[in-house]
PDB file of N, CA and C in Angstrom:
ATOM      1  N   MET A   1      81.992  97.260  95.324  1.00  0.00           N
ATOM      2  CA  MET A   1      81.929  98.487  96.078  1.00  0.00           C
ATOM      3  C   MET A   1      82.117  99.696  95.151  1.00  0.00           C
ATOM      4  N   ALA A   2      83.033  99.563  94.219  1.00  0.00           N
ATOM      5  CA  ALA A   2      83.297 100.671  93.299  1.00  0.00           C
ATOM      6  C   ALA A   2      82.085 100.963  92.421  1.00  0.00           C
ATOM      7  N   TYR A   3      81.368  99.903  92.008  1.00  0.00           N
ATOM      8  CA  TYR A   3      80.177 100.106  91.180  1.00  0.00           C
ATOM      9  C   TYR A   3      79.116 100.904  91.928  1.00  0.00           C
ATOM     10  N   VAL A   4      78.914 100.568  93.191  1.00  0.00           N
ATOM     11  CA  VAL A   4      77.904 101.254  93.997  1.00  0.00           C
ATOM     12  C   VAL A   4      78.314 102.706  94.230  1.00  0.00           C
ATOM     13  N   LEU A   5      79.590 102.927  94.520  1.00  0.00           N
ATOM     14  CA  LEU A   5      80.079 104.286  94.730  1.00  0.00           C
ATOM     15  C   LEU A   5      79.925 105.122  93.464  1.00  0.00           C
ATOM     16  N   LEU A   6      80.276 104.553  92.339  1.00  0.00           N
ATOM     17  CA  LEU A   6      80.120 105.273  91.072  1.00  0.00           C
ATOM     18  C   LEU A   6      78.658 105.606  90.799  1.00  0.00           C
ATOM     19  N   THR A   7      77.768 104.661  91.078  1.00  0.00           N
ATOM     20  CA  THR A   7      76.336 104.908  90.892  1.00  0.00           C
ATOM     21  C   THR A   7      75.863 106.045  91.803  1.00  0.00           C
ATOM     22  N   ALA A   8      76.315 106.043  93.048  1.00  0.00           N
ATOM     23  CA  ALA A   8      75.916 107.109  93.983  1.00  0.00           C
ATOM     24  C   ALA A   8      76.439 108.466  93.514  1.00  0.00           C
ATOM     25  N   LEU A   9      77.662 108.506  93.013  1.00  0.00           N
ATOM     26  CA  LEU A   9      78.209 109.781  92.530  1.00  0.00           C
ATOM     27  C   LEU A   9      77.444 110.294  91.311  1.00  0.00           C
ATOM     28  N   VAL A  10      77.080 109.392  90.408  1.00  0.00           N
ATOM     29  CA  VAL A  10      76.282 109.788  89.237  1.00  0.00           C
ATOM     30  C   VAL A  10      74.908 110.280  89.688  1.00  0.00           C
ATOM     31  N   ALA A  11      74.321 109.591  90.669  1.00  0.00           N
ATOM     32  CA  ALA A  11      73.006 109.990  91.170  1.00  0.00           C
ATOM     33  C   ALA A  11      73.044 111.392  91.768  1.00  0.00           C
ATOM     34  N   ILE A  12      74.088 111.686  92.509  1.00  0.00           N
ATOM     35  CA  ILE A  12      74.223 113.023  93.092  1.00  0.00           C
ATOM     36  C   ILE A  12      74.383 114.059  91.991  1.00  0.00           C
ATOM     37  N   ARG A  13      75.205 113.740  91.001  1.00  0.00           N
ATOM     38  CA  ARG A  13      75.482 114.677  89.897  1.00  0.00           C
ATOM     39  C   ARG A  13      74.225 114.956  89.074  1.00  0.00           C
ATOM     40  N   LEU A  14      73.421 113.901  88.819  1.00  0.00           N
ATOM     41  CA  LEU A  14      72.230 114.050  87.986  1.00  0.00           C
ATOM     42  C   LEU A  14      70.979 114.397  88.786  1.00  0.00           C
ATOM     43  N   GLY A  15      71.087 114.395  90.102  1.00  0.00           N
ATOM     44  CA  GLY A  15      69.950 114.755  90.945  1.00  0.00           C
ATOM     45  C   GLY A  15      68.841 113.708  90.952  1.00  0.00           C
ATOM     46  N   TRP A  16      69.222 112.423  90.907  1.00  0.00           N
ATOM     47  CA  TRP A  16      68.223 111.355  90.938  1.00  0.00           C
ATOM     48  C   TRP A  16      67.565 111.288  92.303  1.00  0.00           C
ATOM     49  N   ARG A  17      66.337 110.779  92.316  1.00  0.00           N
ATOM     50  CA  ARG A  17      65.628 110.545  93.567  1.00  0.00           C
ATOM     51  C   ARG A  17      66.170 109.284  94.235  1.00  0.00           C
ATOM     52  N   LEU A  18      65.851 109.065  95.468  1.00  0.00           N
ATOM     53  CA  LEU A  18      66.380 107.944  96.246  1.00  0.00           C
ATOM     54  C   LEU A  18      65.993 106.585  95.658  1.00  0.00           C
ATOM     55  N   GLY A  19      64.764 106.435  95.192  1.00  0.00           N
ATOM     56  CA  GLY A  19      64.317 105.155  94.644  1.00  0.00           C
ATOM     57  C   GLY A  19      65.106 104.739  93.419  1.00  0.00           C
ATOM     58  N   ARG A  20      65.298 105.650  92.497  1.00  0.00           N
ATOM     59  CA  ARG A  20      66.065 105.351  91.281  1.00  0.00           C
ATOM     60  C   ARG A  20      67.517 105.064  91.631  1.00  0.00           C
ATOM     61  N   THR A  21      68.066 105.837  92.547  1.00  0.00           N
ATOM     62  CA  THR A  21      69.456 105.624  92.964  1.00  0.00           C
ATOM     63  C   THR A  21      69.628 104.251  93.588  1.00  0.00           C
ATOM     64  N   ALA A  22      68.717 103.872  94.475  1.00  0.00           N
ATOM     65  CA  ALA A  22      68.803 102.571  95.132  1.00  0.00           C
ATOM     66  C   ALA A  22      68.687 101.440  94.115  1.00  0.00           C
ATOM     67  N   PHE A  23      67.789 101.579  93.157  1.00  0.00           N
ATOM     68  CA  PHE A  23      67.617 100.542  92.136  1.00  0.00           C
ATOM     69  C   PHE A  23      68.903 100.343  91.338  1.00  0.00           C
ATOM     70  N   PHE A  24      69.472 101.419  90.830  1.00  0.00           N
ATOM     71  CA  PHE A  24      70.678 101.296  90.021  1.00  0.00           C
ATOM     72  C   PHE A  24      71.892 100.864  90.850  1.00  0.00           C
ATOM     73  N   ALA A  25      71.966 101.285  92.113  1.00  0.00           N
ATOM     74  CA  ALA A  25      73.065 100.850  92.979  1.00  0.00           C
ATOM     75  C   ALA A  25      72.979  99.350  93.240  1.00  0.00           C
ATOM     76  N   LEU A  26      71.781  98.842  93.478  1.00  0.00           N
ATOM     77  CA  LEU A  26      71.616  97.397  93.675  1.00  0.00           C
ATOM     78  C   LEU A  26      71.934  96.626  92.399  1.00  0.00           C
ATOM     79  N   LEU A  27      71.497  97.141  91.282  1.00  0.00           N
ATOM     80  CA  LEU A  27      71.804  96.504  89.999  1.00  0.00           C
ATOM     81  C   LEU A  27      73.310  96.472  89.757  1.00  0.00           C
ATOM     82  N   ALA A  28      73.992  97.556  90.072  1.00  0.00           N
ATOM     83  CA  ALA A  28      75.444  97.621  89.895  1.00  0.00           C
ATOM     84  C   ALA A  28      76.160  96.662  90.834  1.00  0.00           C
ATOM     85  N   ALA A  29      75.639  96.445  92.020  1.00  0.00           N
ATOM     86  CA  ALA A  29      76.270  95.553  92.984  1.00  0.00           C
ATOM     87  C   ALA A  29      76.055  94.087  92.636  1.00  0.00           C
ATOM     88  N   VAL A  30      74.962  93.745  91.968  1.00  0.00           N
ATOM     89  CA  VAL A  30      74.629  92.355  91.671  1.00  0.00           C
ATOM     90  C   VAL A  30      75.477  91.801  90.526  1.00  0.00           C
ATOM     91  N   LEU A  31      75.771  92.602  89.527  1.00  0.00           N
ATOM     92  CA  LEU A  31      76.454  92.091  88.340  1.00  0.00           C
ATOM     93  C   LEU A  31      77.795  91.420  88.627  1.00  0.00           C
ATOM     94  N   PRO A  32      78.684  91.975  89.458  1.00  0.00           N
ATOM     95  CA  PRO A  32      79.935  91.255  89.739  1.00  0.00           C
ATOM     96  C   PRO A  32      79.705  89.915  90.425  1.00  0.00           C
ATOM     97  N   PHE A  33      78.687  89.825  91.285  1.00  0.00           N
ATOM     98  CA  PHE A  33      78.411  88.564  91.958  1.00  0.00           C
ATOM     99  C   PHE A  33      77.854  87.528  90.986  1.00  0.00           C
ATOM    100  N   VAL A  34      77.124  87.967  89.992  1.00  0.00           N
ATOM    101  CA  VAL A  34      76.622  87.049  88.969  1.00  0.00           C
ATOM    102  C   VAL A  34      77.799  86.464  88.191  1.00  0.00           C
ATOM    103  N   THR A  35      78.804  87.269  87.919  1.00  0.00           N
ATOM    104  CA  THR A  35      79.990  86.790  87.216  1.00  0.00           C
ATOM    105  C   THR A  35      80.701  85.724  88.036  1.00  0.00           C
ATOM    106  N   VAL A  36      80.842  85.937  89.336  1.00  0.00           N
ATOM    107  CA  VAL A  36      81.491  84.955  90.204  1.00  0.00           C
ATOM    108  C   VAL A  36      80.674  83.674  90.241  1.00  0.00           C
ATOM    109  N   ALA A  37      79.370  83.778  90.360  1.00  0.00           N
ATOM    110  CA  ALA A  37      78.514  82.594  90.387  1.00  0.00           C
ATOM    111  C   ALA A  37      78.596  81.838  89.066  1.00  0.00           C
ATOM    112  N   PHE A  38      78.626  82.543  87.944  1.00  0.00           N
ATOM    113  CA  PHE A  38      78.743  81.888  86.646  1.00  0.00           C
ATOM    114  C   PHE A  38      80.076  81.158  86.528  1.00  0.00           C
ATOM    115  N   GLU A  39      81.160  81.777  86.994  1.00  0.00           N
ATOM    116  CA  GLU A  39      82.471  81.123  86.913  1.00  0.00           C
ATOM    117  C   GLU A  39      82.499  79.859  87.773  1.00  0.00           C
ATOM    118  N   MET A  40      81.933  79.926  88.967  1.00  0.00           N
ATOM    119  CA  MET A  40      81.887  78.735  89.822  1.00  0.00           C
ATOM    120  C   MET A  40      81.083  77.626  89.155  1.00  0.00           C
ATOM    121  N   TRP A  41      79.944  77.963  88.565  1.00  0.00           N
ATOM    122  CA  TRP A  41      79.115  76.972  87.876  1.00  0.00           C
ATOM    123  C   TRP A  41      79.863  76.368  86.687  1.00  0.00           C
ATOM    124  N   ALA A  42      80.544  77.215  85.901  1.00  0.00           N
ATOM    125  CA  ALA A  42      81.258  76.736  84.722  1.00  0.00           C
ATOM    126  C   ALA A  42      82.413  75.822  85.108  1.00  0.00           C
ATOM    127  N   ARG A  43      83.108  76.123  86.181  1.00  0.00           N
ATOM    128  CA  ARG A  43      84.194  75.243  86.636  1.00  0.00           C
ATOM    129  C   ARG A  43      83.634  73.928  87.149  1.00  0.00           C
ATOM    130  N   ARG A  44      82.530  73.977  87.886  1.00  0.00           N
ATOM    131  CA  ARG A  44      81.934  72.768  88.454  1.00  0.00           C
ATOM    132  C   ARG A  44      81.410  71.846  87.362  1.00  0.00           C
ATOM    133  N   THR A  45      80.876  72.386  86.295  1.00  0.00           N
ATOM    134  CA  THR A  45      80.313  71.571  85.224  1.00  0.00           C
ATOM    135  C   THR A  45      81.338  71.212  84.153  1.00  0.00           C
ATOM    136  N   GLY A  46      82.588  71.710  84.292  1.00  0.00           N
ATOM    137  CA  GLY A  46      83.632  71.347  83.348  1.00  0.00           C
ATOM    138  C   GLY A  46      83.722  72.227  82.124  1.00  0.00           C
ATOM    139  N   ARG A  47      82.982  73.305  82.091  1.00  0.00           N
ATOM    140  CA  ARG A  47      83.050  74.212  80.943  1.00  0.00           C
ATOM    141  C   ARG A  47      84.286  75.101  80.982  1.00  0.00           C
ATOM    142  N   LEU A  48      84.863  75.271  82.177  1.00  0.00           N
ATOM    143  CA  LEU A  48      86.132  75.973  82.361  1.00  0.00           C
ATOM    144  C   LEU A  48      87.074  75.034  83.101  1.00  0.00           C
ATOM    145  N   PRO A  49      88.381  75.146  82.861  1.00  0.00           N
ATOM    146  CA  PRO A  49      89.300  74.302  83.632  1.00  0.00           C
ATOM    147  C   PRO A  49      89.328  74.740  85.090  1.00  0.00           C
ATOM    148  N   SER A  50      89.704  73.827  85.971  1.00  0.00           N
ATOM    149  CA  SER A  50      89.774  74.180  87.387  1.00  0.00           C
ATOM    150  C   SER A  50      90.891  75.193  87.610  1.00  0.00           C
ATOM    151  N   ALA A  51      90.855  75.863  88.735  1.00  0.00           N
ATOM    152  CA  ALA A  51      91.868  76.872  89.039  1.00  0.00           C
ATOM    153  C   ALA A  51      93.250  76.240  89.137  1.00  0.00           C
ATOM    154  N   ALA A  52      93.343  75.019  89.679  1.00  0.00           N
ATOM    155  CA  ALA A  52      94.626  74.333  89.797  1.00  0.00           C
ATOM    156  C   ALA A  52      95.174  73.984  88.416  1.00  0.00           C
ATOM    157  N   ALA A  53      94.313  73.547  87.514  1.00  0.00           N
ATOM    158  CA  ALA A  53      94.750  73.189  86.159  1.00  0.00           C
ATOM    159  C   ALA A  53      95.170  74.426  85.379  1.00  0.00           C
ATOM    160  N   ALA A  54      94.534  75.528  85.638  1.00  0.00           N
ATOM    161  CA  ALA A  54      94.853  76.761  84.922  1.00  0.00           C
ATOM    162  C   ALA A  54      96.209  77.320  85.334  1.00  0.00           C
ATOM    163  N   SER A  55      96.648  77.032  86.569  1.00  0.00           N
ATOM    164  CA  SER A  55      97.921  77.582  87.037  1.00  0.00           C
ATOM    165  C   SER A  55      99.108  76.688  86.685  1.00  0.00           C
ATOM    166  N   ARG A  56      98.874  75.436  86.277  1.00  0.00           N
ATOM    167  CA  ARG A  56      99.970  74.539  85.919  1.00  0.00           C
ATOM    168  C   ARG A  56     100.568  74.937  84.573  1.00  0.00           C
ATOM    169  N   PRO A  57     101.885  74.920  84.457  1.00  0.00           N
ATOM    170  CA  PRO A  57     102.499  75.204  83.144  1.00  0.00           C
ATOM    171  C   PRO A  57     102.267  74.038  82.189  1.00  0.00           C
ATOM    172  N   THR A  58     102.130  74.338  80.924  1.00  0.00           N
ATOM    173  CA  THR A  58     101.908  73.305  79.930  1.00  0.00           C
ATOM    174  C   THR A  58     103.230  72.988  79.232  1.00  0.00           C
ATOM    175  N   ALA A  59     103.356  71.769  78.784  1.00  0.00           N
ATOM    176  CA  ALA A  59     104.578  71.359  78.070  1.00  0.00           C
ATOM    177  C   ALA A  59     104.496  71.865  76.644  1.00  0.00           C
ATOM    178  N   SER A  60     105.582  72.475  76.177  1.00  0.00           N
ATOM    179  CA  SER A  60     105.600  72.970  74.816  1.00  0.00           C
ATOM    180  C   SER A  60     106.484  72.075  73.969  1.00  0.00           C
ATOM    181  N   ARG A  61     106.190  71.994  72.701  1.00  0.00           N
ATOM    182  CA  ARG A  61     106.970  71.126  71.787  1.00  0.00           C
ATOM    183  C   ARG A  61     108.124  71.837  71.214  1.00  0.00           C
TER     184      ARG A  61
END
């Protein structure tokens, strides 16, 4: 939400047209969701530890 709001404020400040504003607002909104999808994929395939394993304390020597 913050990315889209920031894009809209920049668009108003720079006087962008509606098409350019909509394009950049959609682009700004997609990137955080791509990060979430990548993290889910990485955990599912074992490239990242699971959330439960990450919260467990490790034994130190």
